[in-house]
């Protein structure tokens, strides 16, 4: 295990804006809680919290690597609408103590997955109130469940909110 220092600096800071990762036209990660890791001469990398990644689109791959500064990385393959990005996502599930901030977060190879800051106008998804006080969704949630123009929605359809159609007209 090596420690970051003047000869190999590593910094981790919260992102100032919202970030998204997109593959095959589908948003697979979207967060306002990204971390930016800057390491020596490497390009900055965006780390997404696992809770903000569509893990249903990912499957664990056999790939593994070791970084003397961060620890052991494991990888995921992305599969969306028949398109595959093999081992395009990595995570340090138990990084070295100096890198504890990235524990369990995921990062994407930008040459395989589009990773971008979200424009200011789209930064904070608006909340849509519901008659049910315990339920609210974001506009982004609705958009991701609609047709992207390819003939399929970006996410799985929502479960039905009724068990059977109402009978007759008017009240009961």
N, C-alpha and C. Protein backbone atom coordinates (compact mmCIF):
# COMPACT_ATOMS: atom_id res chain seq x y z
N UNK A 1 0.85 -1.18 0.00
CA UNK A 1 0.00 0.00 0.00
C UNK A 1 0.89 1.23 0.00
N UNK A 2 0.59 2.15 -0.94
CA UNK A 2 1.31 3.41 -1.01
C UNK A 2 0.39 4.54 -0.59
N UNK A 3 0.97 5.57 -0.01
CA UNK A 3 0.19 6.72 0.43
C UNK A 3 0.34 7.86 -0.58
N UNK A 4 -0.75 8.54 -0.88
CA UNK A 4 -0.63 9.71 -1.75
C UNK A 4 0.30 10.74 -1.10
N UNK A 5 1.03 11.45 -1.92
CA UNK A 5 1.94 12.47 -1.41
C UNK A 5 2.37 13.38 -2.54
N UNK A 6 3.39 14.19 -2.30
CA UNK A 6 3.83 15.15 -3.33
C UNK A 6 4.25 14.48 -4.64
N UNK A 7 4.81 13.27 -4.57
CA UNK A 7 5.24 12.58 -5.79
C UNK A 7 4.07 11.91 -6.52
N UNK A 8 2.95 11.67 -5.83
CA UNK A 8 1.76 11.06 -6.42
C UNK A 8 0.53 11.60 -5.68
N UNK A 9 0.13 12.86 -5.97
CA UNK A 9 -1.01 13.44 -5.25
C UNK A 9 -2.34 12.84 -5.68
N UNK A 10 -3.22 12.68 -4.71
CA UNK A 10 -4.60 12.25 -4.96
C UNK A 10 -5.50 13.14 -4.10
N UNK A 11 -6.50 13.73 -4.73
CA UNK A 11 -7.47 14.51 -3.97
C UNK A 11 -8.88 14.03 -4.34
N UNK A 12 -9.77 14.15 -3.37
CA UNK A 12 -11.17 13.78 -3.57
C UNK A 12 -12.00 14.93 -3.05
N UNK A 13 -12.92 15.41 -3.89
CA UNK A 13 -13.76 16.53 -3.47
C UNK A 13 -15.17 16.33 -4.00
N UNK A 14 -16.16 16.88 -3.29
CA UNK A 14 -17.54 16.81 -3.79
C UNK A 14 -17.67 17.59 -5.10
N UNK A 15 -18.44 17.07 -6.02
CA UNK A 15 -18.69 17.77 -7.28
C UNK A 15 -19.56 18.99 -7.02
N UNK A 16 -19.31 20.04 -7.78
CA UNK A 16 -20.09 21.26 -7.62
C UNK A 16 -21.46 21.16 -8.28
N UNK A 17 -21.60 20.25 -9.24
CA UNK A 17 -22.84 20.10 -9.99
C UNK A 17 -23.30 18.65 -10.02
N UNK A 18 -24.46 18.45 -10.58
CA UNK A 18 -25.04 17.13 -10.80
C UNK A 18 -24.29 16.46 -11.96
N UNK A 19 -24.15 15.13 -11.91
CA UNK A 19 -23.47 14.35 -12.95
C UNK A 19 -24.37 13.22 -13.40
N UNK A 20 -24.23 12.84 -14.68
CA UNK A 20 -24.97 11.71 -15.25
C UNK A 20 -24.03 10.83 -16.04
N UNK A 21 -24.39 9.55 -16.10
CA UNK A 21 -23.72 8.58 -16.97
C UNK A 21 -24.79 7.99 -17.87
N UNK A 22 -24.51 7.96 -19.17
CA UNK A 22 -25.49 7.50 -20.16
C UNK A 22 -24.84 6.46 -21.07
N UNK A 23 -25.59 5.41 -21.39
CA UNK A 23 -25.12 4.39 -22.30
C UNK A 23 -26.28 3.96 -23.19
N UNK A 24 -26.05 3.90 -24.49
CA UNK A 24 -27.06 3.47 -25.47
C UNK A 24 -28.35 4.28 -25.32
N UNK A 25 -28.20 5.57 -25.02
CA UNK A 25 -29.35 6.44 -24.89
C UNK A 25 -30.09 6.35 -23.58
N UNK A 26 -29.61 5.55 -22.64
CA UNK A 26 -30.28 5.38 -21.35
C UNK A 26 -29.43 5.99 -20.24
N UNK A 27 -30.08 6.72 -19.34
CA UNK A 27 -29.39 7.24 -18.16
C UNK A 27 -29.19 6.06 -17.21
N UNK A 28 -27.92 5.75 -16.90
CA UNK A 28 -27.66 4.64 -15.98
C UNK A 28 -27.16 5.12 -14.63
N UNK A 29 -26.84 6.41 -14.53
CA UNK A 29 -26.46 6.99 -13.24
C UNK A 29 -26.78 8.48 -13.29
N UNK A 30 -27.28 8.99 -12.17
CA UNK A 30 -27.62 10.41 -12.07
C UNK A 30 -27.52 10.78 -10.60
N UNK A 31 -26.66 11.77 -10.30
CA UNK A 31 -26.48 12.10 -8.89
C UNK A 31 -26.11 13.56 -8.68
N UNK A 32 -26.52 14.07 -7.54
CA UNK A 32 -26.08 15.38 -7.06
C UNK A 32 -25.05 15.16 -5.96
N UNK A 33 -24.61 13.91 -5.78
CA UNK A 33 -23.68 13.54 -4.71
C UNK A 33 -22.41 12.89 -5.27
N UNK A 34 -21.95 13.35 -6.42
CA UNK A 34 -20.74 12.78 -7.03
C UNK A 34 -19.49 13.26 -6.30
N UNK A 35 -18.46 12.44 -6.36
CA UNK A 35 -17.13 12.83 -5.89
C UNK A 35 -16.20 12.87 -7.10
N UNK A 36 -15.31 13.85 -7.12
CA UNK A 36 -14.31 13.96 -8.18
C UNK A 36 -12.96 13.57 -7.59
N UNK A 37 -12.35 12.53 -8.18
CA UNK A 37 -11.04 12.06 -7.73
C UNK A 37 -10.01 12.52 -8.76
N UNK A 38 -9.01 13.24 -8.29
CA UNK A 38 -7.90 13.68 -9.13
C UNK A 38 -6.64 12.97 -8.64
N UNK A 39 -6.00 12.25 -9.56
CA UNK A 39 -4.83 11.45 -9.20
C UNK A 39 -3.67 11.76 -10.14
N UNK A 40 -2.60 12.26 -9.56
CA UNK A 40 -1.35 12.53 -10.29
C UNK A 40 -1.64 13.05 -11.70
N UNK A 41 -1.09 12.41 -12.74
CA UNK A 41 -1.25 12.86 -14.11
C UNK A 41 -2.44 12.28 -14.83
N UNK A 42 -3.33 11.56 -14.13
CA UNK A 42 -4.49 10.95 -14.76
C UNK A 42 -5.64 11.95 -14.89
N UNK A 43 -6.55 11.72 -15.85
CA UNK A 43 -7.73 12.60 -15.94
C UNK A 43 -8.60 12.44 -14.69
N UNK A 44 -9.31 13.49 -14.28
CA UNK A 44 -10.22 13.37 -13.12
C UNK A 44 -11.27 12.29 -13.39
N UNK A 45 -11.68 11.60 -12.34
CA UNK A 45 -12.71 10.57 -12.44
C UNK A 45 -13.87 10.92 -11.53
N UNK A 46 -15.08 10.67 -12.02
CA UNK A 46 -16.30 10.94 -11.26
C UNK A 46 -16.74 9.63 -10.61
N UNK A 47 -16.99 9.67 -9.31
CA UNK A 47 -17.46 8.50 -8.57
C UNK A 47 -18.90 8.76 -8.12
N UNK A 48 -19.80 7.84 -8.53
CA UNK A 48 -21.22 7.94 -8.25
C UNK A 48 -21.58 7.05 -7.06
N UNK A 49 -22.47 7.50 -6.16
CA UNK A 49 -22.95 6.61 -5.11
C UNK A 49 -23.74 5.46 -5.74
N UNK A 50 -23.58 4.28 -5.22
CA UNK A 50 -24.25 3.09 -5.75
C UNK A 50 -25.77 3.29 -5.79
N UNK A 51 -26.32 3.99 -4.82
CA UNK A 51 -27.77 4.21 -4.76
C UNK A 51 -28.28 5.03 -5.95
N UNK A 52 -27.39 5.76 -6.62
CA UNK A 52 -27.79 6.60 -7.75
C UNK A 52 -27.42 5.98 -9.10
N UNK A 53 -27.13 4.69 -9.10
CA UNK A 53 -26.77 3.96 -10.32
C UNK A 53 -27.82 2.89 -10.57
N UNK A 54 -28.24 2.74 -11.82
CA UNK A 54 -29.22 1.71 -12.20
C UNK A 54 -28.49 0.35 -12.21
N UNK A 55 -28.37 -0.26 -11.05
CA UNK A 55 -27.60 -1.50 -10.91
C UNK A 55 -28.22 -2.65 -11.70
N UNK A 56 -29.50 -2.55 -12.07
CA UNK A 56 -30.14 -3.60 -12.88
C UNK A 56 -29.54 -3.68 -14.28
N UNK A 57 -28.90 -2.60 -14.73
CA UNK A 57 -28.26 -2.58 -16.04
C UNK A 57 -26.81 -3.08 -16.00
N UNK A 58 -26.32 -3.41 -14.81
CA UNK A 58 -24.93 -3.83 -14.63
C UNK A 58 -24.85 -5.27 -14.16
N UNK A 59 -23.80 -5.96 -14.57
CA UNK A 59 -23.54 -7.30 -14.04
C UNK A 59 -22.04 -7.40 -13.75
N UNK A 60 -21.72 -8.07 -12.67
CA UNK A 60 -20.32 -8.19 -12.24
C UNK A 60 -19.54 -8.91 -13.32
N UNK A 61 -18.37 -8.39 -13.66
CA UNK A 61 -17.51 -9.06 -14.63
C UNK A 61 -16.38 -9.77 -13.87
N UNK A 62 -15.59 -10.51 -14.59
CA UNK A 62 -14.47 -11.23 -13.98
C UNK A 62 -13.25 -10.34 -13.79
N UNK A 63 -13.25 -9.16 -14.41
CA UNK A 63 -12.08 -8.28 -14.36
C UNK A 63 -11.80 -7.78 -12.94
N UNK A 64 -10.53 -7.70 -12.62
CA UNK A 64 -10.07 -7.17 -11.34
C UNK A 64 -8.72 -6.50 -11.58
N UNK A 65 -8.49 -5.39 -10.90
CA UNK A 65 -7.19 -4.73 -10.98
C UNK A 65 -6.77 -4.31 -9.58
N UNK A 66 -5.51 -3.94 -9.48
CA UNK A 66 -4.98 -3.47 -8.19
C UNK A 66 -4.28 -2.14 -8.40
N UNK A 67 -4.58 -1.18 -7.55
CA UNK A 67 -3.90 0.11 -7.53
C UNK A 67 -3.15 0.19 -6.21
N UNK A 68 -1.85 0.49 -6.24
CA UNK A 68 -1.11 0.54 -4.98
C UNK A 68 -1.57 1.67 -4.06
N UNK A 69 -2.33 2.64 -4.57
CA UNK A 69 -2.80 3.76 -3.77
C UNK A 69 -4.24 3.59 -3.30
N UNK A 70 -5.06 2.91 -4.09
CA UNK A 70 -6.48 2.77 -3.77
C UNK A 70 -6.88 1.37 -3.32
N UNK A 71 -6.23 0.35 -3.81
CA UNK A 71 -6.57 -1.02 -3.44
C UNK A 71 -7.06 -1.83 -4.62
N UNK A 72 -7.90 -2.82 -4.35
CA UNK A 72 -8.40 -3.74 -5.38
C UNK A 72 -9.72 -3.24 -5.96
N UNK A 73 -9.77 -3.19 -7.28
CA UNK A 73 -10.99 -2.76 -7.97
C UNK A 73 -11.66 -3.98 -8.60
N UNK A 74 -12.98 -3.98 -8.54
CA UNK A 74 -13.78 -4.97 -9.25
C UNK A 74 -14.59 -4.21 -10.30
N UNK A 75 -15.09 -4.96 -11.30
CA UNK A 75 -15.70 -4.32 -12.46
C UNK A 75 -17.09 -4.84 -12.76
N UNK A 76 -17.83 -4.01 -13.49
CA UNK A 76 -19.16 -4.36 -13.96
C UNK A 76 -19.22 -4.15 -15.47
N UNK A 77 -20.03 -4.96 -16.12
CA UNK A 77 -20.34 -4.81 -17.53
C UNK A 77 -21.73 -4.20 -17.62
N UNK A 78 -21.93 -3.32 -18.58
CA UNK A 78 -23.23 -2.67 -18.77
C UNK A 78 -23.91 -3.32 -19.97
N UNK A 79 -25.19 -3.65 -19.80
CA UNK A 79 -26.00 -4.22 -20.88
C UNK A 79 -27.30 -3.41 -20.98
N UNK A 80 -27.48 -2.74 -22.11
CA UNK A 80 -28.68 -1.93 -22.34
C UNK A 80 -29.17 -2.19 -23.75
N UNK A 81 -30.41 -2.65 -23.86
CA UNK A 81 -31.05 -2.87 -25.16
C UNK A 81 -30.15 -3.64 -26.13
N UNK A 82 -29.50 -4.68 -25.64
CA UNK A 82 -28.65 -5.53 -26.47
C UNK A 82 -27.25 -4.98 -26.72
N UNK A 83 -26.95 -3.80 -26.25
CA UNK A 83 -25.60 -3.23 -26.39
C UNK A 83 -24.82 -3.48 -25.11
N UNK A 84 -23.54 -3.81 -25.27
CA UNK A 84 -22.70 -4.21 -24.13
C UNK A 84 -21.48 -3.31 -24.05
N UNK A 85 -21.15 -2.89 -22.83
CA UNK A 85 -19.89 -2.19 -22.54
C UNK A 85 -19.18 -3.05 -21.50
N UNK A 86 -18.29 -3.90 -21.98
CA UNK A 86 -17.60 -4.89 -21.14
C UNK A 86 -16.67 -4.22 -20.13
N UNK A 87 -16.83 -4.55 -18.87
CA UNK A 87 -15.98 -4.05 -17.77
C UNK A 87 -15.77 -2.53 -17.86
N UNK A 88 -16.86 -1.81 -18.08
CA UNK A 88 -16.80 -0.36 -18.28
C UNK A 88 -16.98 0.43 -16.98
N UNK A 89 -17.28 -0.27 -15.89
CA UNK A 89 -17.55 0.36 -14.61
C UNK A 89 -16.66 -0.29 -13.56
N UNK A 90 -16.06 0.51 -12.69
CA UNK A 90 -15.26 -0.08 -11.63
C UNK A 90 -15.65 0.48 -10.28
N UNK A 91 -15.30 -0.27 -9.25
CA UNK A 91 -15.58 0.12 -7.88
C UNK A 91 -14.49 -0.40 -6.96
N UNK A 92 -14.22 0.36 -5.93
CA UNK A 92 -13.33 -0.09 -4.86
C UNK A 92 -14.24 -0.34 -3.66
N UNK A 93 -14.58 -1.60 -3.44
CA UNK A 93 -15.51 -1.91 -2.36
C UNK A 93 -14.86 -1.81 -0.99
N UNK A 94 -13.55 -2.05 -0.93
CA UNK A 94 -12.80 -1.90 0.32
C UNK A 94 -11.46 -1.23 0.01
N UNK A 95 -11.50 0.09 -0.32
CA UNK A 95 -10.25 0.76 -0.67
C UNK A 95 -9.37 0.93 0.57
N UNK A 96 -8.12 1.30 0.31
CA UNK A 96 -7.22 1.59 1.41
C UNK A 96 -7.78 2.77 2.22
N UNK A 97 -7.43 2.85 3.51
CA UNK A 97 -8.01 3.88 4.39
C UNK A 97 -7.91 5.31 3.85
N UNK A 98 -6.84 5.67 3.18
CA UNK A 98 -6.70 7.03 2.65
C UNK A 98 -7.73 7.35 1.57
N UNK A 99 -8.36 6.32 1.01
CA UNK A 99 -9.34 6.49 -0.06
C UNK A 99 -10.75 6.08 0.38
N UNK A 100 -10.99 6.06 1.68
CA UNK A 100 -12.26 5.59 2.23
C UNK A 100 -13.48 6.29 1.64
N UNK A 101 -13.34 7.53 1.19
CA UNK A 101 -14.47 8.28 0.63
C UNK A 101 -15.09 7.61 -0.59
N UNK A 102 -14.32 6.82 -1.33
CA UNK A 102 -14.86 6.20 -2.55
C UNK A 102 -15.37 4.78 -2.30
N UNK A 103 -15.41 4.36 -1.07
CA UNK A 103 -15.89 3.01 -0.75
C UNK A 103 -17.24 2.74 -1.39
N UNK A 104 -17.32 1.68 -2.20
CA UNK A 104 -18.57 1.26 -2.80
C UNK A 104 -19.11 2.15 -3.90
N UNK A 105 -18.48 3.25 -4.19
CA UNK A 105 -18.93 4.13 -5.28
C UNK A 105 -18.47 3.54 -6.60
N UNK A 106 -19.12 3.98 -7.68
CA UNK A 106 -18.79 3.46 -9.01
C UNK A 106 -18.31 4.58 -9.92
N UNK A 107 -17.38 4.22 -10.79
CA UNK A 107 -16.88 5.16 -11.79
C UNK A 107 -16.93 4.48 -13.15
N UNK A 108 -17.02 5.29 -14.20
CA UNK A 108 -17.23 4.78 -15.55
C UNK A 108 -16.10 5.21 -16.47
N UNK A 109 -15.68 4.30 -17.34
CA UNK A 109 -14.71 4.66 -18.37
C UNK A 109 -15.40 5.59 -19.36
N UNK A 110 -14.94 6.84 -19.47
CA UNK A 110 -15.63 7.80 -20.35
C UNK A 110 -15.51 7.51 -21.84
N UNK A 111 -14.62 6.60 -22.24
CA UNK A 111 -14.56 6.23 -23.65
C UNK A 111 -15.60 5.16 -23.99
N UNK A 112 -16.27 4.60 -22.96
CA UNK A 112 -17.31 3.57 -23.19
C UNK A 112 -18.69 4.03 -22.73
N UNK A 113 -18.71 4.88 -21.70
CA UNK A 113 -19.95 5.38 -21.12
C UNK A 113 -19.85 6.91 -21.13
N UNK A 114 -20.91 7.58 -21.59
CA UNK A 114 -20.88 9.04 -21.59
C UNK A 114 -21.08 9.55 -20.17
N UNK A 115 -20.10 10.28 -19.67
CA UNK A 115 -20.16 10.84 -18.32
C UNK A 115 -20.10 12.36 -18.48
N UNK A 116 -21.11 13.06 -17.94
CA UNK A 116 -21.14 14.50 -18.13
C UNK A 116 -21.81 15.22 -16.98
N UNK A 117 -21.38 16.48 -16.81
CA UNK A 117 -22.07 17.36 -15.88
C UNK A 117 -23.43 17.70 -16.47
N UNK A 118 -24.41 17.88 -15.60
CA UNK A 118 -25.75 18.21 -16.06
C UNK A 118 -25.88 19.73 -16.07
N UNK A 119 -26.46 20.26 -17.12
CA UNK A 119 -26.65 21.71 -17.25
C UNK A 119 -27.42 22.25 -16.06
N UNK A 120 -27.15 23.50 -15.73
CA UNK A 120 -27.78 24.12 -14.56
C UNK A 120 -29.29 24.01 -14.57
N UNK A 121 -29.92 24.18 -15.72
CA UNK A 121 -31.38 24.13 -15.79
C UNK A 121 -31.92 22.77 -15.38
N UNK A 122 -31.12 21.71 -15.54
CA UNK A 122 -31.58 20.37 -15.20
C UNK A 122 -31.00 19.88 -13.88
N UNK A 123 -30.25 20.75 -13.19
CA UNK A 123 -29.54 20.30 -11.99
C UNK A 123 -30.45 19.75 -10.90
N UNK A 124 -31.48 20.48 -10.55
CA UNK A 124 -32.34 20.05 -9.46
C UNK A 124 -33.67 19.59 -10.02
N UNK A 125 -33.90 18.28 -10.09
CA UNK A 125 -35.19 17.81 -10.61
C UNK A 125 -36.34 18.36 -9.77
N UNK A 126 -37.39 18.80 -10.44
CA UNK A 126 -38.54 19.31 -9.72
C UNK A 126 -39.32 18.15 -9.12
N UNK A 127 -39.86 18.38 -7.95
CA UNK A 127 -40.69 17.36 -7.31
C UNK A 127 -42.13 17.55 -7.78
N UNK A 128 -42.82 16.47 -8.03
CA UNK A 128 -44.21 16.52 -8.45
C UNK A 128 -45.03 15.98 -7.28
N UNK A 129 -45.88 16.82 -6.73
CA UNK A 129 -46.69 16.41 -5.59
C UNK A 129 -47.76 15.45 -6.04
N UNK A 130 -48.20 14.64 -5.12
CA UNK A 130 -49.23 13.65 -5.38
C UNK A 130 -50.34 13.81 -4.36
N UNK A 131 -51.49 13.25 -4.64
CA UNK A 131 -52.58 13.26 -3.67
C UNK A 131 -52.16 12.49 -2.42
N UNK A 132 -51.30 11.50 -2.61
CA UNK A 132 -50.78 10.71 -1.50
C UNK A 132 -49.57 11.44 -0.94
N UNK A 133 -49.67 11.96 0.27
CA UNK A 133 -48.59 12.76 0.86
C UNK A 133 -47.28 12.00 0.98
N UNK A 134 -47.32 10.67 1.02
CA UNK A 134 -46.11 9.87 1.19
C UNK A 134 -45.42 9.59 -0.14
N UNK A 135 -45.95 10.11 -1.24
CA UNK A 135 -45.41 9.76 -2.54
C UNK A 135 -45.15 11.01 -3.37
N UNK A 136 -43.95 11.14 -3.86
CA UNK A 136 -43.61 12.22 -4.79
C UNK A 136 -42.56 11.69 -5.73
N UNK A 137 -42.57 12.12 -6.97
CA UNK A 137 -41.59 11.69 -7.95
C UNK A 137 -40.93 12.91 -8.56
N UNK A 138 -39.80 12.72 -9.19
CA UNK A 138 -39.15 13.83 -9.87
C UNK A 138 -39.56 13.82 -11.33
N UNK A 139 -39.43 14.98 -11.95
CA UNK A 139 -39.70 15.07 -13.38
C UNK A 139 -38.75 14.13 -14.12
N UNK A 140 -37.49 14.05 -13.68
CA UNK A 140 -36.53 13.14 -14.32
C UNK A 140 -37.02 11.70 -14.26
N UNK A 141 -37.64 11.29 -13.13
CA UNK A 141 -38.18 9.93 -13.03
C UNK A 141 -39.23 9.69 -14.12
N UNK A 142 -40.10 10.66 -14.33
CA UNK A 142 -41.15 10.52 -15.33
C UNK A 142 -40.54 10.43 -16.72
N UNK A 143 -39.59 11.31 -17.01
CA UNK A 143 -38.96 11.32 -18.33
C UNK A 143 -38.28 9.99 -18.61
N UNK A 144 -37.62 9.42 -17.63
CA UNK A 144 -36.90 8.17 -17.84
C UNK A 144 -37.85 6.99 -18.02
N UNK A 145 -39.11 7.15 -17.69
CA UNK A 145 -40.09 6.08 -17.90
C UNK A 145 -40.90 6.31 -19.17
N UNK A 146 -40.51 7.27 -19.98
CA UNK A 146 -41.21 7.53 -21.23
C UNK A 146 -40.34 7.11 -22.40
N UNK A 147 -40.95 7.05 -23.55
CA UNK A 147 -40.26 6.66 -24.78
C UNK A 147 -39.20 7.68 -25.12
N UNK A 148 -37.95 7.24 -25.30
CA UNK A 148 -36.84 8.13 -25.64
C UNK A 148 -36.78 8.41 -27.13
N UNK A 149 -37.72 7.87 -27.89
CA UNK A 149 -37.70 8.02 -29.34
C UNK A 149 -37.29 6.73 -30.03
N UNK A 150 -36.80 5.78 -29.24
CA UNK A 150 -36.36 4.51 -29.81
C UNK A 150 -37.48 3.46 -29.81
N UNK A 151 -38.62 3.82 -29.22
CA UNK A 151 -39.72 2.87 -29.16
C UNK A 151 -39.82 2.14 -27.83
N UNK A 152 -38.86 2.40 -26.93
CA UNK A 152 -38.90 1.78 -25.61
C UNK A 152 -38.61 2.84 -24.55
N UNK A 153 -39.11 2.62 -23.34
CA UNK A 153 -38.82 3.57 -22.27
C UNK A 153 -37.39 3.34 -21.78
N UNK A 154 -36.84 4.35 -21.11
CA UNK A 154 -35.46 4.25 -20.62
C UNK A 154 -35.37 3.35 -19.39
N UNK A 155 -36.47 3.17 -18.69
CA UNK A 155 -36.48 2.32 -17.51
C UNK A 155 -37.65 1.35 -17.63
N UNK A 156 -37.65 0.33 -16.79
CA UNK A 156 -38.75 -0.62 -16.77
C UNK A 156 -40.05 0.11 -16.45
N UNK A 157 -41.16 -0.39 -16.96
CA UNK A 157 -42.45 0.22 -16.69
C UNK A 157 -42.75 0.12 -15.20
N UNK A 158 -43.47 1.10 -14.71
CA UNK A 158 -43.88 1.07 -13.31
C UNK A 158 -44.93 -0.01 -13.12
N UNK A 159 -45.00 -0.52 -11.93
CA UNK A 159 -46.02 -1.51 -11.60
C UNK A 159 -47.39 -0.84 -11.62
N UNK A 160 -48.41 -1.60 -11.94
CA UNK A 160 -49.78 -1.07 -11.98
C UNK A 160 -50.15 -0.55 -10.60
N UNK A 161 -50.93 0.53 -10.57
CA UNK A 161 -51.35 1.07 -9.28
C UNK A 161 -52.79 0.69 -8.92
N UNK A 162 -53.39 -0.17 -9.75
CA UNK A 162 -54.71 -0.73 -9.45
C UNK A 162 -54.67 -2.22 -9.76
N UNK A 163 -55.49 -2.99 -9.06
CA UNK A 163 -55.46 -4.42 -9.28
C UNK A 163 -56.47 -4.85 -10.35
N UNK A 164 -57.58 -4.11 -10.48
CA UNK A 164 -58.57 -4.42 -11.51
C UNK A 164 -59.32 -3.14 -11.86
N UNK A 165 -59.87 -3.09 -13.04
CA UNK A 165 -60.58 -1.87 -13.44
C UNK A 165 -61.83 -1.64 -12.59
N UNK A 166 -62.14 -0.37 -12.44
CA UNK A 166 -63.36 -0.02 -11.69
C UNK A 166 -64.57 -0.49 -12.48
N UNK A 167 -65.63 -0.88 -11.80
CA UNK A 167 -66.84 -1.32 -12.49
C UNK A 167 -67.88 -0.22 -12.42
N UNK A 168 -68.62 -0.06 -13.50
CA UNK A 168 -69.69 0.94 -13.53
C UNK A 168 -69.15 2.35 -13.58
N UNK A 169 -70.04 3.29 -13.58
CA UNK A 169 -69.66 4.71 -13.61
C UNK A 169 -70.06 5.36 -12.30
N UNK A 170 -69.33 6.38 -11.98
CA UNK A 170 -69.66 7.12 -10.78
C UNK A 170 -69.18 6.39 -9.54
N UNK A 171 -69.67 6.81 -8.39
CA UNK A 171 -69.23 6.24 -7.12
C UNK A 171 -69.88 4.90 -6.85
N UNK A 172 -69.52 4.29 -5.77
CA UNK A 172 -70.07 2.98 -5.45
C UNK A 172 -71.30 3.07 -4.59
